[in-house]
Protein backbone atom coordinates (compact mmCIF):
# COMPACT_ATOMS: atom_id res chain seq x y z
CA MET A 1 -23.07 -9.78 -8.31
CA TYR A 2 -22.30 -6.79 -10.50
CA VAL A 3 -25.11 -4.25 -10.45
CA CYS A 4 -23.54 -1.45 -12.51
CA LEU A 5 -21.28 -2.51 -15.34
CA CYS A 6 -20.44 1.09 -16.28
CA HIS A 7 -18.66 1.61 -12.95
CA GLY A 8 -18.03 -2.00 -11.89
CA VAL A 9 -20.22 -1.66 -8.80
CA THR A 10 -21.36 -4.79 -6.98
CA SER A 11 -24.47 -5.42 -4.91
CA HIS A 12 -22.26 -5.46 -1.82
CA THR A 13 -21.05 -1.95 -2.59
CA VAL A 14 -24.64 -0.70 -2.97
CA THR A 15 -25.65 -2.42 0.27
CA ASP A 16 -22.69 -0.82 2.04
CA ALA A 17 -23.73 2.61 0.72
CA VAL A 18 -27.24 2.10 2.10
CA THR A 19 -25.88 0.85 5.41
CA CYS A 20 -23.83 4.06 5.61
CA GLY A 21 -26.93 6.19 5.11
CA ALA A 22 -27.83 6.40 1.40
CA THR A 23 -31.61 6.09 0.99
CA THR A 24 -32.15 7.04 -2.67
CA SER A 25 -30.64 5.94 -5.97
CA ARG A 26 -29.16 9.42 -6.36
CA GLU A 27 -27.41 9.15 -2.98
CA VAL A 28 -26.08 5.71 -3.91
CA ALA A 29 -24.83 7.13 -7.22
CA ASN A 30 -23.02 9.91 -5.38
CA VAL A 31 -21.31 7.36 -3.13
CA CYS A 32 -20.26 4.70 -5.64
CA GLY A 33 -21.31 5.78 -9.14
CA ALA A 34 -23.99 3.15 -9.73
CA GLY A 35 -26.71 4.62 -11.94
CA MET A 36 -24.81 7.70 -13.05
CA ASP A 37 -24.23 6.75 -16.68
CA CYS A 38 -26.63 4.64 -18.72
CA GLY A 39 -29.14 4.07 -15.90
CA ARG A 40 -29.89 0.43 -16.68
CA CYS A 41 -29.03 -0.53 -13.11
CA LYS A 42 -31.30 1.98 -11.36
CA ARG A 43 -34.15 -0.50 -10.91
CA THR A 44 -31.79 -3.00 -9.28
CA VAL A 45 -30.22 -0.28 -7.13
CA ARG A 46 -33.68 0.79 -5.91
CA ALA A 47 -34.55 -2.85 -5.13
CA ILE A 48 -31.35 -3.24 -3.09
CA ILE A 49 -32.10 -0.01 -1.23
CA ALA A 50 -35.62 -1.19 -0.38
CA ALA A 51 -34.47 -4.64 0.72
CA THR A 52 -31.65 -3.25 2.84
CA LEU A 53 -33.86 -0.66 4.53
CA GLU A 54 -36.57 -3.26 5.17
CA GLU A 55 -34.04 -5.68 6.64
CA ARG A 56 -32.66 -2.94 8.86
CA ALA A 57 -36.18 -1.97 10.04
CA CYS A 58 -37.04 -5.57 10.91
CA ALA A 59 -33.79 -6.05 12.77
CA GLY A 60 -33.96 -2.93 14.83
């Protein structure tokens, strides 16, 4: 699913950024560009960050 239309970033790309260590929307933006322009995707990016971090905490 596309999360950021401005940069063509998918949810998989955001999840990969979090898996590689990004823990804030700003860090994700620095990695892949999601949330840098219009900002409409920031809520979704933050939700993906939270879900990914929670999943990682439960698994490890």
